[in-house]
Every structure is written in structure tokens, then in C-alpha cells.
Amino acid sequence: MTGSSKVNGKMGKLLKNDFLASARVIPLFYILEAISVVLFYIGDKTQKPVPLALGVAFTLIVAFLLIFISLFFVVYDFNKSLFSQQGYLSFSLPVTSKQLLGSKMIVYGGWMILSYIVFTVVVAFTGQYVSQDVVGEENMNLAETFLYMFMPTLPPKSMLIIYLIYYIANFFIIVLLAVSMIYFSIAASHMRPFQKHNIIYAVLIFVVVAAVFGLMLAALNKFFRFDLAMHTDGSFGLAIGGDSYSGNFVALMPVFGYIAYAVGLFFGTSYIMHKKVNIK
């Protein structure tokens, strides 16, 4: 057996254990979401207002709660499994701090992404239902007429696809960046100088980390322009620095900034976990 396969096997076990630990509670809310959808479907088919209203309300509320439940477990499990008494067991495993951290980022970052996807789909679905069955098709057609009055020339389909890909990619990267910032703040708050009031310091460190990220992003946008230019003739190109172009654009430099900051936080967190952390 090679060293690479041993590492992959250990990482697989970590992922399995973290997934099983997270699956004790989070999937229950997906079951509640499924029940809410069934209630909505029954109300829609029977045209009974009470089940229909409850179905719509519970579907939106549970989808909204999923985000907060996922965020809670991002914080709770990371802190409990690594920095409580359970941390002695976690750090005694024959794995590196990068593997411990990477497993939790993959599992809980995945839950966060999934919860946001479910929330987006539910909002889009209920919005479409309300627009078609509550507002009515005639009123929607009237709204579209007003839209074209104020926006007579909509972007071409290719441009809309680029925007969609860009914002979806940004979404996934920002979620993982947010998890990285949370994990760095929790790990840093368990260093000896901060451990006595680690919760307060975790919040303060997160604020500082977020502020530094904001300053870095502002500097990138100001001094290092790197955009995907979408010209009015439908062509695309890269615009670097002060290049001028006509049409719309998407800023690529912030995306690289997100990735670089997340990678830096990952290695910073793993270093703290390996060298600086003080387990209670």
C-alpha cells in the first residue's frame, strides 16, 4: 500500500465520521421540508386554503431555518470535536491537522451549500406559484410589458449564461470562505492568551478577519483590475488594469481574492491547530 492510498483512506474515514456526526440532526429538517412540500401539494390539488397556506408558510420557514441550523453545526461541531475534552481524541488520531480541518470544511461547507440551494429553489418555486396562481398570468404579462418599457434591450442569452455561471461560482466560493473565516476565528480563540474568554475573542477575531478581507477586496478592486469584458457585439475578452471596453463586465480579481484568502485561512487554521491550540 502506498503512502497516498493510506492518506486517502484516513481522509475517507474522517469524512465518513464527520458526515455521520452531522447527520444526526440536519437531515431531520430536510424531512420537515419534504413534509411541508407534501402539505403544499395536497393543498394545491384539493384547493383547500388552510393546507395550502400552511404548506407555503412551512416550506419557506423550514428552508430558512436550514441555513441557520447548518451554520450552527458549522460552529458547534468544530468547537466540540476539536477544542473540548473530545479534542484529545481527535488530535490523537493518526491524521494531520490539515486532514482534520479539510474534512470538516468539506462536510459542513457541503451542508451550508446544500441548505442555500434548497432555500433558493424553494423561494423560486413559491415565487413562481404565487405569480402564476395568485397574481395571475394577465397581471404578470402587464408587469413584463412595463419591464420592457424601462429595459427595451435585455442582455443576450450568452451574457446571461456568463452572469449565471459567475454568480453560482461566487456563491460556492463565498460559502467556503465564510466557513474558513469561522474556523480560523474559533481555532485562534483557543490559543492560550484568548482561551479564558474564547467566545468573546472568537467574535472579535472574526470581525478583524472580516475587516481585513474587506480592505483587501477594496484594494484589489482599486489597484488590480482584471475583468471579463462582454462587448456590445456579443464577443468576450479580458480587460486588465485600465483597459477600456464597451458593454458589461464581471470582475474576476475578487474571485481570485476569495480563493487566496480562503487558502491562507485554511493553512493558518491548520497551523494554529497543530502548533498553538490549547485544548481544555
Protein backbone atom coordinates (compact mmCIF):
# COMPACT_ATOMS: atom_id res chain seq x y z
CA MET A 1 0.00 0.00 0.00
CA THR A 2 1.38 3.40 -0.97
CA GLY A 3 1.53 6.44 1.27
CA SER A 4 -1.01 8.20 -0.95
CA SER A 5 -3.60 5.44 -0.55
CA LYS A 6 -3.11 5.49 3.24
CA VAL A 7 -3.78 9.23 3.30
CA ASN A 8 -6.87 8.82 1.11
CA GLY A 9 -8.14 6.04 3.38
CA LYS A 10 -7.72 8.18 6.50
CA MET A 11 -9.39 11.13 4.83
CA GLY A 12 -12.27 8.93 3.76
CA LYS A 13 -12.80 7.75 7.35
CA LEU A 14 -12.70 11.34 8.61
CA LEU A 15 -15.28 12.40 6.04
CA LYS A 16 -17.49 9.44 6.96
CA ASN A 17 -17.31 10.19 10.70
CA ASP A 18 -17.96 13.92 10.24
CA PHE A 19 -20.88 13.19 7.94
CA LEU A 20 -22.41 10.70 10.39
CA ALA A 21 -21.97 13.18 13.25
CA SER A 22 -23.69 15.94 11.26
CA ALA A 23 -26.42 13.59 10.01
CA ARG A 24 -27.91 13.18 13.47
CA VAL A 25 -29.88 16.44 13.31
CA ILE A 26 -29.55 18.28 9.98
CA PRO A 27 -31.41 15.66 7.87
CA LEU A 28 -34.42 15.98 10.19
CA PHE A 29 -35.00 19.45 8.80
CA TYR A 30 -34.88 18.10 5.26
CA ILE A 31 -37.55 15.60 6.29
CA LEU A 32 -39.61 18.51 7.67
CA GLU A 33 -39.08 20.32 4.38
CA ALA A 34 -40.32 17.26 2.47
CA ILE A 35 -43.43 17.08 4.71
CA SER A 36 -44.07 20.78 4.08
CA VAL A 37 -43.83 20.23 0.32
CA VAL A 38 -46.32 17.33 0.58
CA LEU A 39 -48.68 19.54 2.58
CA PHE A 40 -48.37 22.24 -0.06
CA TYR A 41 -49.03 19.70 -2.83
CA ILE A 42 -52.15 18.39 -1.05
CA GLY A 43 -53.46 21.91 -0.54
CA ASP A 44 -52.80 22.80 -4.17
CA LYS A 45 -54.54 19.70 -5.52
CA THR A 46 -57.55 19.92 -3.19
CA GLN A 47 -57.69 23.74 -3.39
CA LYS A 48 -58.19 23.88 0.36
CA PRO A 49 -56.85 27.21 1.60
CA VAL A 50 -55.68 26.10 5.07
CA PRO A 51 -53.37 23.21 3.97
CA LEU A 52 -52.19 25.34 1.06
CA ALA A 53 -51.33 28.34 3.23
CA LEU A 54 -49.65 26.14 5.84
CA GLY A 55 -47.71 24.32 3.13
CA VAL A 56 -46.38 27.55 1.61
CA ALA A 57 -45.54 29.02 5.04
CA PHE A 58 -43.82 25.90 6.42
CA THR A 59 -41.91 25.30 3.19
CA LEU A 60 -40.40 28.79 3.35
CA ILE A 61 -39.82 28.77 7.13
CA VAL A 62 -38.10 25.37 7.20
CA ALA A 63 -35.93 26.28 4.20
CA PHE A 64 -34.93 29.47 6.01
CA LEU A 65 -34.18 27.55 9.24
CA LEU A 66 -31.99 25.10 7.32
CA ILE A 67 -29.45 27.86 6.73
CA PHE A 68 -29.19 28.69 10.43
CA ILE A 69 -29.13 25.03 11.52
CA SER A 70 -26.28 24.33 9.10
CA LEU A 71 -24.41 27.42 10.32
CA PHE A 72 -24.95 26.38 13.95
CA PHE A 73 -23.41 22.96 13.33
CA VAL A 74 -20.51 24.51 11.44
CA VAL A 75 -19.62 26.28 14.69
CA TYR A 76 -20.83 23.72 17.25
CA ASP A 77 -19.25 20.56 15.88
CA PHE A 78 -15.92 22.21 15.06
CA ASN A 79 -15.66 23.60 18.57
CA LYS A 80 -16.91 20.46 20.34
CA SER A 81 -14.95 17.85 18.41
CA LEU A 82 -11.61 19.70 18.44
CA PHE A 83 -11.49 22.07 21.41
CA SER A 84 -13.47 20.37 24.17
CA GLN A 85 -12.41 17.19 26.00
CA GLN A 86 -13.27 15.33 22.80
CA GLY A 87 -10.39 17.21 21.20
CA TYR A 88 -7.85 14.96 22.93
CA LEU A 89 -9.28 12.02 20.99
CA SER A 90 -9.47 13.95 17.71
CA PHE A 91 -5.88 15.19 17.90
CA SER A 92 -4.62 11.73 18.90
CA LEU A 93 -5.84 10.25 15.61
CA PRO A 94 -3.11 9.33 13.09
CA VAL A 95 -4.06 12.22 10.79
CA THR A 96 -2.72 15.71 10.17
CA SER A 97 -4.38 18.93 11.27
CA LYS A 98 -4.97 19.74 7.58
CA GLN A 99 -6.92 16.49 7.19
CA LEU A 100 -8.99 17.18 10.31
CA LEU A 101 -9.76 20.69 9.09
CA GLY A 102 -10.30 19.69 5.47
CA SER A 103 -12.81 17.00 6.40
CA LYS A 104 -14.91 19.42 8.43
CA MET A 105 -14.75 22.08 5.74
CA ILE A 106 -15.93 19.63 3.08
CA VAL A 107 -18.75 18.15 5.16
CA TYR A 108 -20.10 21.30 6.81
CA GLY A 109 -19.35 23.52 3.84
CA GLY A 110 -21.33 21.00 1.80
CA TRP A 111 -24.28 21.21 4.22
CA MET A 112 -24.17 25.01 4.02
CA ILE A 113 -24.15 24.98 0.23
CA LEU A 114 -26.98 22.43 0.12
CA SER A 115 -29.10 24.46 2.55
CA TYR A 116 -28.66 27.61 0.43
CA ILE A 117 -29.55 25.68 -2.73
CA VAL A 118 -32.71 24.30 -1.09
CA PHE A 119 -33.66 27.77 0.13
CA THR A 120 -33.11 29.29 -3.34
CA VAL A 121 -35.14 26.56 -5.06
CA VAL A 122 -37.99 26.90 -2.54
CA VAL A 123 -38.12 30.69 -2.88
CA ALA A 124 -38.04 30.45 -6.68
CA PHE A 125 -40.74 27.76 -6.71
CA THR A 126 -43.09 29.55 -4.32
CA GLY A 127 -42.46 32.84 -6.14
CA GLN A 128 -43.42 31.25 -9.44
CA TYR A 129 -46.50 29.69 -7.87
CA VAL A 130 -47.62 33.00 -6.38
CA SER A 131 -47.01 34.86 -9.64
CA GLN A 132 -48.96 32.37 -11.74
CA ASP A 133 -51.75 31.16 -9.46
CA VAL A 134 -52.20 34.10 -7.07
CA VAL A 135 -51.20 37.19 -9.02
CA GLY A 136 -52.42 35.76 -12.31
CA GLU A 137 -50.98 35.48 -15.80
CA GLU A 138 -52.57 38.71 -17.05
CA ASN A 139 -51.01 40.78 -14.28
CA MET A 140 -47.63 39.13 -14.89
CA ASN A 141 -47.87 39.95 -18.60
CA LEU A 142 -48.63 43.55 -17.66
CA ALA A 143 -45.56 43.62 -15.40
CA GLU A 144 -43.39 42.23 -18.22
CA THR A 145 -44.71 44.96 -20.52
CA PHE A 146 -43.63 47.64 -18.04
CA LEU A 147 -40.25 45.90 -17.69
CA TYR A 148 -39.63 46.11 -21.43
CA MET A 149 -40.68 49.75 -21.40
CA PHE A 150 -37.88 50.57 -18.97
CA MET A 151 -35.44 47.94 -20.33
CA PRO A 152 -36.11 47.77 -24.07
CA THR A 153 -32.90 45.83 -24.79
CA LEU A 154 -32.22 42.91 -22.48
CA PRO A 155 -28.75 41.28 -22.44
CA PRO A 156 -28.21 38.45 -24.94
CA LYS A 157 -28.56 34.86 -23.79
CA SER A 158 -24.80 34.20 -23.86
CA MET A 159 -24.25 37.13 -21.49
CA LEU A 160 -26.93 35.91 -19.11
CA ILE A 161 -25.28 32.47 -19.03
CA ILE A 162 -21.93 34.06 -18.15
CA TYR A 163 -23.58 36.03 -15.34
CA LEU A 164 -25.26 32.85 -14.06
CA ILE A 165 -22.01 30.85 -14.03
CA TYR A 166 -20.18 33.75 -12.40
CA TYR A 167 -22.66 34.20 -9.56
CA ILE A 168 -23.01 30.46 -8.93
CA ALA A 169 -19.21 30.09 -8.71
CA ASN A 170 -19.04 33.15 -6.45
CA PHE A 171 -21.72 31.68 -4.23
CA PHE A 172 -19.87 28.41 -3.62
CA ILE A 173 -16.54 30.15 -3.05
CA ILE A 174 -18.04 32.70 -0.63
CA VAL A 175 -19.74 29.97 1.42
CA LEU A 176 -16.44 28.09 1.78
CA LEU A 177 -14.67 31.37 2.57
CA ALA A 178 -17.20 32.09 5.31
CA VAL A 179 -16.62 28.62 6.81
CA SER A 180 -12.85 29.24 6.64
CA MET A 181 -13.22 32.54 8.49
CA ILE A 182 -15.38 30.92 11.18
CA TYR A 183 -12.95 28.02 11.69
CA PHE A 184 -9.93 30.33 11.85
CA SER A 185 -11.64 32.52 14.46
CA ILE A 186 -12.62 29.54 16.63
CA ALA A 187 -9.16 27.98 16.42
CA ALA A 188 -7.39 31.27 17.20
CA SER A 189 -9.68 31.90 20.17
CA HIS A 190 -8.42 28.66 21.75
CA MET A 191 -4.83 29.82 21.90
CA ARG A 192 -3.68 30.26 25.48
CA PRO A 193 -3.90 34.12 25.64
CA PHE A 194 -7.54 34.05 24.50
CA GLN A 195 -8.85 30.81 25.95
CA LYS A 196 -10.30 32.19 29.18
CA HIS A 197 -12.88 34.22 27.23
CA ASN A 198 -12.70 32.29 23.98
CA ILE A 199 -16.28 33.02 22.85
CA ILE A 200 -15.75 36.79 23.05
CA TYR A 201 -12.37 36.53 21.36
CA ALA A 202 -13.77 34.29 18.63
CA VAL A 203 -16.29 37.01 17.73
CA LEU A 204 -13.64 39.74 17.88
CA ILE A 205 -11.19 37.73 15.76
CA PHE A 206 -13.93 37.05 13.21
CA VAL A 207 -14.66 40.78 12.98
CA VAL A 208 -10.96 41.53 12.46
CA VAL A 209 -10.60 38.77 9.85
CA ALA A 210 -13.68 40.04 8.01
CA ALA A 211 -12.42 43.64 8.17
CA VAL A 212 -9.02 42.65 6.77
CA PHE A 213 -10.78 40.76 4.00
CA GLY A 214 -12.91 43.81 3.20
CA LEU A 215 -9.82 46.05 2.99
CA MET A 216 -8.03 43.51 0.81
CA LEU A 217 -11.02 43.25 -1.50
CA ALA A 218 -11.27 47.03 -1.79
CA ALA A 219 -7.56 47.24 -2.66
CA LEU A 220 -7.93 44.52 -5.29
CA ASN A 221 -10.86 46.30 -6.89
CA LYS A 222 -8.99 49.61 -6.90
CA PHE A 223 -5.46 48.68 -7.91
CA PHE A 224 -5.68 45.30 -9.65
CA ARG A 225 -8.48 45.30 -12.21
CA PHE A 226 -8.96 42.03 -14.06
CA ASP A 227 -12.36 41.69 -15.74
CA LEU A 228 -14.15 39.53 -18.25
CA ALA A 229 -15.45 42.10 -20.72
CA MET A 230 -18.69 41.36 -22.59
CA HIS A 231 -18.83 43.66 -25.60
CA THR A 232 -21.97 45.05 -27.17
CA ASP A 233 -21.37 42.97 -30.32
CA GLY A 234 -21.66 39.76 -28.28
CA SER A 235 -17.93 38.98 -28.11
CA PHE A 236 -15.89 38.42 -24.95
CA GLY A 237 -12.40 39.37 -23.85
CA LEU A 238 -10.17 40.00 -20.88
CA ALA A 239 -9.63 43.56 -19.64
CA ILE A 240 -6.56 44.09 -17.49
CA GLY A 241 -5.76 47.20 -15.49
CA GLY A 242 -7.05 50.32 -17.18
CA ASP A 243 -8.16 48.70 -20.43
CA SER A 244 -11.29 50.34 -21.78
CA TYR A 245 -14.16 48.45 -23.34
CA SER A 246 -17.80 48.90 -24.22
CA GLY A 247 -20.53 46.76 -22.75
CA ASN A 248 -20.78 44.86 -19.48
CA PHE A 249 -18.21 43.00 -17.41
CA VAL A 250 -17.74 40.65 -14.50
CA ALA A 251 -14.87 41.31 -12.10
CA LEU A 252 -12.56 38.29 -11.88
CA MET A 253 -9.99 39.67 -9.46
CA PRO A 254 -12.32 39.47 -6.40
CA VAL A 255 -12.87 35.76 -7.14
CA PHE A 256 -9.12 35.15 -7.02
CA GLY A 257 -9.07 37.21 -3.82
CA TYR A 258 -11.75 35.00 -2.24
CA ILE A 259 -9.81 31.86 -3.13
CA ALA A 260 -6.44 33.23 -1.95
CA TYR A 261 -7.90 34.40 1.36
CA ALA A 262 -9.69 31.08 1.96
CA VAL A 263 -6.48 29.14 1.22
CA GLY A 264 -4.49 31.41 3.53
CA LEU A 265 -7.03 30.95 6.32
CA PHE A 266 -7.01 27.19 5.80
CA PHE A 267 -3.25 26.93 6.26
CA GLY A 268 -3.35 29.46 9.11
CA THR A 269 -6.03 27.46 10.91
CA SER A 270 -4.22 24.16 10.42
CA TYR A 271 -1.01 25.73 11.76
CA ILE A 272 -2.81 27.01 14.86
CA MET A 273 -4.41 23.61 15.39
CA HIS A 274 -1.04 21.90 15.07
CA LYS A 275 1.20 24.29 16.99
CA LYS A 276 -0.73 26.84 19.06
CA VAL A 277 -4.04 25.43 20.23
CA ASN A 278 -4.62 24.76 23.93
CA ILE A 279 -7.26 22.08 24.49
CA LYS A 280 -9.40 22.34 27.61
